[in-house]
Amino acid sequence: MNMIKNYKIHCISEALSPITHMMGSSGNESVLNREYILHNNVLKQIPVLSGNAIRHRMIREPGVLYLIQVCDLVGKLNIDQANYLFNGGSLTESSISENLAKIANMQELLPLIRLLGGSFRNQVVGGSLIVLRGLLICEENRNRIIKMIPSQYTMPDNVFRSSEDFIDQYQYTRGDTRKRVDAKLILDGKENNEDTNLMIYNGQTIIAGSIFYHGFILQNVSYLELGALLHSLSQWEFNNGTIGGSLRIGHGKLKMEIFFEEDKDFMGSEINIGQAIIDYIEHVDKNKSKIVDWLFSTFPKIEKKKGKKDDQKLENNSLLD
């Protein structure tokens, strides 16, 4: 299907564990990522999930890991290829060569990358995906969330509380083996007189049960691009569905519900999420060898240029032969 359309996907995500999406630190305490909003004529800082974190964690990373696995690229990518897939690439050359054929092939073979956009070594290619920030559903955000969310969605009861009600503190201690009761059986005893290595670290967290509103706007996309987005979200959810930091200690788990602004596609049919994902999976499987060829032709390995020392070494070696 080559017809194009705009889609708007709304997401309601519930925190199943504390969320520690941080913006920095104050003294020894890590502080939550926040944004200023004007509420009742007063400036307030409200926790927010950045669009960049959502875009990378929910869409790009799971989608790219799937491509690498299916296309048998594990351990085979050079750094430019890996950066292009995982981070959108970067401009490393000033001159622009003729990239029209490369762009056309990318858009045909890689719906996910067409959606996200990226940079060749000498040209930026824009994407078609807009990612909405994750807004904490709280009293301070009430007005803008009501304006953004479709009227047919019924908001859960008692969610419009003060944002401070959803913020808690955490404190953990990084251990020191010398404090174990069996330390004498483990250590050689030479370090026993040194200062302890115990470290206390703490910070702010958004409590489990908190709810966020976020979403995705797809501009002028094909059904395959829609399928690529939905497939990435399904991969993200299958692989534990997390956001933010401290995942190693059980933070960051989200449970997401999605629904469309409109429930029909460009053909006037009901949007079938499962079929869109299947179509995308079949497309990747059918074109995986072409995807690999495109990556290696677009981002060939750059041989290191020989400097004067390398040239002298070669000359000396030739004299020895």
Protein backbone atom coordinates (compact mmCIF):
# COMPACT_ATOMS: atom_id res chain seq x y z
CA MET A 1 0.00 0.00 0.00
CA ASN A 2 1.66 3.20 -1.19
CA MET A 3 -1.11 5.61 -0.21
CA ILE A 4 -0.23 8.03 2.57
CA LYS A 5 -2.14 9.47 5.49
CA ASN A 6 -1.68 11.26 8.81
CA TYR A 7 -2.23 9.35 12.04
CA LYS A 8 -2.46 10.52 15.62
CA ILE A 9 -1.96 7.93 18.35
CA HIS A 10 -2.85 8.74 21.96
CA CYS A 11 -1.20 6.84 24.81
CA ILE A 12 -2.13 6.46 28.48
CA SER A 13 0.69 4.87 30.47
CA GLU A 14 0.50 3.77 34.08
CA ALA A 15 3.61 3.47 36.24
CA LEU A 16 3.77 -0.07 37.61
CA SER A 17 6.96 0.75 39.52
CA PRO A 18 8.66 4.00 40.58
CA ILE A 19 9.82 6.17 37.65
CA THR A 20 13.23 7.82 37.96
CA HIS A 21 13.53 9.92 34.80
CA MET A 22 16.12 12.41 35.98
CA MET A 23 17.43 15.80 34.81
CA GLY A 24 20.45 16.17 37.06
CA SER A 25 21.38 16.39 40.71
CA SER A 26 21.19 18.81 43.63
CA GLY A 27 23.97 18.02 46.07
CA ASN A 28 23.86 14.24 46.58
CA GLU A 29 20.25 13.94 45.41
CA SER A 30 19.14 13.08 41.88
CA VAL A 31 16.20 15.26 40.82
CA LEU A 32 13.32 14.49 38.47
CA ASN A 33 13.08 15.82 34.95
CA ARG A 34 10.61 18.73 35.20
CA GLU A 35 9.21 21.55 33.10
CA TYR A 36 7.77 24.91 34.07
CA ILE A 37 4.06 25.46 33.46
CA LEU A 38 1.77 28.35 34.35
CA HIS A 39 -0.99 27.19 36.69
CA ASN A 40 -3.44 29.66 38.25
CA ASN A 41 -1.01 32.45 37.38
CA VAL A 42 1.79 30.72 39.30
CA LEU A 43 4.87 29.10 37.73
CA LYS A 44 5.23 25.48 38.80
CA GLN A 45 7.72 22.76 37.94
CA ILE A 46 5.95 19.54 36.98
CA PRO A 47 7.61 16.13 36.30
CA VAL A 48 7.63 15.21 32.61
CA LEU A 49 8.87 12.35 30.42
CA SER A 50 10.97 13.89 27.65
CA GLY A 51 9.95 13.26 24.05
CA ASN A 52 13.55 12.27 23.32
CA ALA A 53 13.49 9.50 25.93
CA ILE A 54 10.14 8.19 24.64
CA ARG A 55 11.31 8.34 21.01
CA HIS A 56 14.52 6.43 21.71
CA ARG A 57 13.38 3.93 24.35
CA MET A 58 9.97 3.04 22.87
CA ILE A 59 10.55 3.38 19.11
CA ARG A 60 14.11 3.56 17.81
CA GLU A 61 15.94 1.16 20.13
CA PRO A 62 13.48 -1.78 20.04
CA GLY A 63 12.88 -1.32 16.30
CA VAL A 64 16.60 -1.25 15.48
CA LEU A 65 17.42 -4.22 17.71
CA TYR A 66 14.78 -6.19 15.81
CA LEU A 67 16.30 -5.22 12.44
CA ILE A 68 19.78 -6.22 13.59
CA GLN A 69 18.54 -9.60 14.78
CA VAL A 70 16.40 -10.43 11.74
CA CYS A 71 18.98 -9.20 9.23
CA ASP A 72 21.76 -11.19 10.94
CA LEU A 73 23.82 -8.08 11.66
CA VAL A 74 24.92 -8.94 15.20
CA GLY A 75 28.65 -8.19 15.47
CA LYS A 76 28.86 -7.02 11.84
CA LEU A 77 28.10 -3.27 11.94
CA ASN A 78 30.75 -0.59 11.63
CA ILE A 79 30.42 2.45 13.89
CA ASP A 80 28.78 4.67 11.24
CA GLN A 81 26.12 2.06 10.53
CA ALA A 82 25.47 1.53 14.24
CA ASN A 83 25.25 5.27 14.95
CA TYR A 84 22.90 5.77 12.01
CA LEU A 85 20.53 3.07 13.24
CA PHE A 86 20.66 3.72 16.99
CA ASN A 87 21.28 7.48 17.13
CA GLY A 88 20.25 8.92 13.78
CA GLY A 89 23.82 9.31 12.49
CA SER A 90 25.85 12.51 12.23
CA LEU A 91 27.29 14.83 9.59
CA THR A 92 30.98 14.10 9.13
CA GLU A 93 31.53 15.43 5.60
CA SER A 94 30.89 18.94 4.29
CA SER A 95 30.19 18.26 0.62
CA ILE A 96 26.85 16.85 -0.51
CA SER A 97 27.03 14.14 -3.16
CA GLU A 98 24.08 12.77 -5.08
CA ASN A 99 21.99 10.95 -2.46
CA LEU A 100 18.60 10.76 -4.19
CA ALA A 101 18.95 7.06 -5.03
CA LYS A 102 20.12 6.23 -1.49
CA ILE A 103 17.20 8.14 0.02
CA ALA A 104 14.67 6.49 -2.31
CA ASN A 105 16.01 3.02 -1.48
CA MET A 106 16.03 3.76 2.26
CA GLN A 107 12.41 4.93 2.14
CA GLU A 108 11.39 1.77 0.31
CA LEU A 109 13.39 -0.72 2.37
CA LEU A 110 13.35 0.80 5.88
CA PRO A 111 9.93 2.19 6.90
CA LEU A 112 11.17 2.59 10.49
CA ILE A 113 14.09 4.83 9.44
CA ARG A 114 11.91 6.76 7.03
CA LEU A 115 9.64 7.43 10.00
CA LEU A 116 12.46 8.49 12.34
CA GLY A 117 14.79 10.22 9.91
CA GLY A 118 18.56 10.28 10.15
CA SER A 119 21.79 11.68 8.78
CA PHE A 120 24.08 10.35 6.09
CA ARG A 121 27.71 11.38 6.35
CA ASN A 122 26.93 14.46 4.24
CA GLN A 123 23.16 15.05 4.39
CA VAL A 124 20.32 15.12 6.92
CA VAL A 125 17.14 13.30 5.88
CA GLY A 126 14.09 14.31 7.88
CA GLY A 127 11.57 11.88 9.34
CA SER A 128 7.79 11.94 9.62
CA LEU A 129 7.25 11.21 13.32
CA ILE A 130 6.37 13.77 16.00
CA VAL A 131 6.64 12.49 19.58
CA LEU A 132 4.56 14.12 22.31
CA ARG A 133 6.08 14.59 25.76
CA GLY A 134 4.84 12.41 28.61
CA LEU A 135 2.58 14.66 30.72
CA LEU A 136 1.87 13.61 34.27
CA ILE A 137 -1.91 13.49 34.71
CA CYS A 138 -2.30 15.84 37.67
CA GLU A 139 -4.26 18.94 38.68
CA GLU A 140 -1.69 21.35 37.25
CA ASN A 141 -1.88 19.63 33.84
CA ARG A 142 -5.68 19.19 33.84
CA ASN A 143 -6.56 21.90 31.30
CA ARG A 144 -4.00 21.04 28.65
CA ILE A 145 -4.57 17.29 28.91
CA ILE A 146 -8.33 17.70 28.52
CA LYS A 147 -7.67 19.79 25.39
CA MET A 148 -5.31 17.20 23.92
CA ILE A 149 -7.08 13.92 24.67
CA PRO A 150 -10.12 12.82 22.59
CA SER A 151 -13.47 13.40 24.26
CA GLN A 152 -14.45 9.75 23.89
CA TYR A 153 -11.72 8.69 26.34
CA THR A 154 -12.91 8.57 29.95
CA MET A 155 -10.25 9.68 32.41
CA PRO A 156 -9.82 7.47 35.50
CA ASP A 157 -11.25 8.76 38.78
CA ASN A 158 -9.17 10.80 41.24
CA VAL A 159 -6.22 11.37 38.91
CA PHE A 160 -6.31 15.17 38.98
CA ARG A 161 -4.44 15.62 42.24
CA SER A 162 -1.55 17.95 43.01
CA SER A 163 1.63 16.87 41.22
CA GLU A 164 3.45 16.76 44.56
CA ASP A 165 1.19 13.88 45.62
CA PHE A 166 2.89 11.72 42.96
CA ILE A 167 6.48 12.45 44.04
CA ASP A 168 8.41 10.38 46.56
CA GLN A 169 12.02 9.93 47.68
CA TYR A 170 14.26 6.88 47.46
CA GLN A 171 17.48 6.03 49.25
CA TYR A 172 19.79 3.09 48.63
CA THR A 173 23.18 2.03 49.95
CA ARG A 174 25.95 0.63 47.81
CA GLY A 175 27.51 -2.09 49.94
CA ASP A 176 31.03 -2.81 51.08
CA THR A 177 32.15 -6.45 51.19
CA ARG A 178 34.12 -5.72 54.37
CA LYS A 179 30.80 -5.26 56.18
CA ARG A 180 29.59 -8.77 55.39
CA VAL A 181 29.35 -11.18 58.31
CA ASP A 182 31.43 -13.69 56.32
CA ALA A 183 34.00 -11.11 55.16
CA LYS A 184 36.87 -12.98 56.85
CA LEU A 185 36.08 -16.04 54.75
CA ILE A 186 36.16 -14.04 51.52
CA LEU A 187 38.92 -11.42 51.88
CA ASP A 188 42.63 -11.85 52.44
CA GLY A 189 42.50 -9.46 55.43
CA LYS A 190 44.91 -6.86 54.02
CA GLU A 191 42.23 -4.18 53.51
CA ASN A 192 40.47 -4.49 56.86
CA ASN A 193 41.96 -1.28 58.27
CA GLU A 194 40.99 0.91 55.32
CA ASP A 195 38.02 3.30 55.40
CA THR A 196 34.66 1.79 54.54
CA ASN A 197 33.43 1.98 50.96
CA LEU A 198 29.71 2.26 51.86
CA MET A 199 27.93 4.86 49.75
CA ILE A 200 24.41 6.22 50.25
CA TYR A 201 22.64 7.58 47.16
CA ASN A 202 19.15 9.02 46.97
CA GLY A 203 16.78 10.94 44.75
CA GLN A 204 13.24 11.70 43.71
CA THR A 205 10.85 9.32 42.04
CA ILE A 206 7.35 9.37 40.56
CA ILE A 207 5.28 6.84 42.48
CA ALA A 208 3.78 3.64 41.11
CA GLY A 209 0.17 4.20 40.06
CA SER A 210 0.90 7.58 38.47
CA ILE A 211 -0.47 8.03 34.95
CA PHE A 212 1.04 9.82 31.97
CA TYR A 213 -0.50 11.06 28.74
CA HIS A 214 1.71 11.04 25.63
CA GLY A 215 1.36 10.21 21.97
CA PHE A 216 2.66 10.09 18.41
CA ILE A 217 1.76 12.05 15.28
CA LEU A 218 2.66 10.40 11.96
CA GLN A 219 2.70 12.83 9.03
CA ASN A 220 2.23 11.64 5.44
CA VAL A 221 3.12 8.02 6.12
CA SER A 222 2.33 4.71 4.49
CA TYR A 223 0.68 1.79 6.25
CA LEU A 224 4.10 0.15 6.52
CA GLU A 225 5.42 3.09 8.54
CA LEU A 226 2.42 2.83 10.83
CA GLY A 227 3.18 -0.88 11.16
CA ALA A 228 6.85 -0.09 11.96
CA LEU A 229 5.80 2.22 14.80
CA LEU A 230 3.28 -0.25 16.23
CA HIS A 231 5.80 -3.08 15.92
CA SER A 232 8.44 -1.10 17.84
CA LEU A 233 5.93 -0.36 20.60
CA SER A 234 5.05 -4.06 20.79
CA GLN A 235 8.76 -4.96 20.98
CA TRP A 236 9.28 -2.36 23.71
CA GLU A 237 6.38 -3.75 25.72
CA PHE A 238 7.49 -7.37 25.19
CA ASN A 239 10.97 -6.48 26.49
CA ASN A 240 9.65 -5.19 29.83
CA GLY A 241 8.34 -1.75 28.72
CA THR A 242 10.55 0.61 30.74
CA ILE A 243 11.47 4.30 30.74
CA GLY A 244 13.98 6.34 32.71
CA GLY A 245 16.80 5.01 34.87
CA SER A 246 17.48 2.61 37.77
CA LEU A 247 16.05 -0.30 35.77
CA ARG A 248 18.50 -2.66 37.47
CA ILE A 249 16.68 -2.19 40.79
CA GLY A 250 13.13 -2.44 39.47
CA HIS A 251 12.27 1.14 38.52
CA GLY A 252 10.75 2.41 35.27
CA LYS A 253 8.04 -0.13 34.41
CA LEU A 254 5.12 1.28 32.38
CA LYS A 255 1.89 -0.29 31.15
CA MET A 256 0.67 1.47 28.01
CA GLU A 257 -2.76 1.68 26.37
CA ILE A 258 -3.02 3.18 22.86
CA PHE A 259 -5.94 4.43 20.80
CA PHE A 260 -6.27 6.37 17.55
CA GLU A 261 -7.71 9.80 16.92
CA GLU A 262 -9.69 8.16 14.10
CA ASP A 263 -10.50 4.47 13.94
CA LYS A 264 -10.34 4.09 10.14
CA ASP A 265 -7.38 3.96 7.78
CA PHE A 266 -7.01 5.68 4.39
CA MET A 267 -9.03 2.90 2.71
CA GLY A 268 -12.00 3.51 5.00
CA SER A 269 -11.38 0.25 6.86
CA GLU A 270 -10.99 -0.24 10.59
CA ILE A 271 -7.36 0.15 11.64
CA ASN A 272 -6.10 -3.35 12.39
CA ILE A 273 -3.08 -3.02 14.68
CA GLY A 274 -2.21 -6.72 14.45
CA GLN A 275 -2.33 -6.77 10.65
CA ALA A 276 -0.25 -3.58 10.37
CA ILE A 277 2.45 -5.23 12.49
CA ILE A 278 2.31 -8.44 10.44
CA ASP A 279 2.64 -6.48 7.19
CA TYR A 280 5.74 -4.76 8.53
CA ILE A 281 7.32 -8.02 9.76
CA GLU A 282 6.73 -9.61 6.34
CA HIS A 283 8.22 -6.58 4.60
CA VAL A 284 11.43 -6.77 6.65
CA ASP A 285 11.74 -10.53 6.17
CA LYS A 286 11.26 -10.18 2.42
CA ASN A 287 13.85 -7.41 2.06
CA LYS A 288 16.46 -8.26 4.70
CA SER A 289 19.27 -8.97 2.20
CA LYS A 290 18.54 -5.68 0.40
CA ILE A 291 18.55 -3.85 3.76
CA VAL A 292 22.02 -5.24 4.54
CA ASP A 293 23.29 -4.30 1.05
CA TRP A 294 21.93 -0.76 1.45
CA LEU A 295 23.60 -0.28 4.85
CA PHE A 296 27.01 -1.43 3.62
CA SER A 297 26.87 0.57 0.39
CA THR A 298 25.68 3.75 2.14
CA PHE A 299 28.09 3.49 5.07
CA PRO A 300 31.15 1.59 3.82
CA LYS A 301 34.02 1.19 6.23
CA ILE A 302 36.43 4.12 5.92
CA GLU A 303 40.02 3.04 5.71
CA LYS A 304 42.34 4.99 8.02
CA LYS A 305 44.43 7.50 6.07
CA LYS A 306 48.15 6.93 6.23
CA GLY A 307 50.15 9.74 7.81
CA LYS A 308 53.82 10.57 7.35
CA LYS A 309 54.84 8.00 9.99
CA ASP A 310 52.87 5.27 8.21
CA ASP A 311 54.45 6.21 4.86
CA GLN A 312 57.96 6.14 6.41
CA LYS A 313 57.20 2.75 7.99
CA LEU A 314 56.14 1.36 4.61
CA GLU A 315 59.28 2.77 2.97
CA ASN A 316 61.53 1.23 5.65
CA ASN A 317 59.77 -2.11 5.31
CA SER A 318 60.24 -2.06 1.56
CA LEU A 319 63.97 -1.54 2.02
CA LEU A 320 64.12 -4.65 4.19
CA ASP A 321 62.40 -6.83 1.59
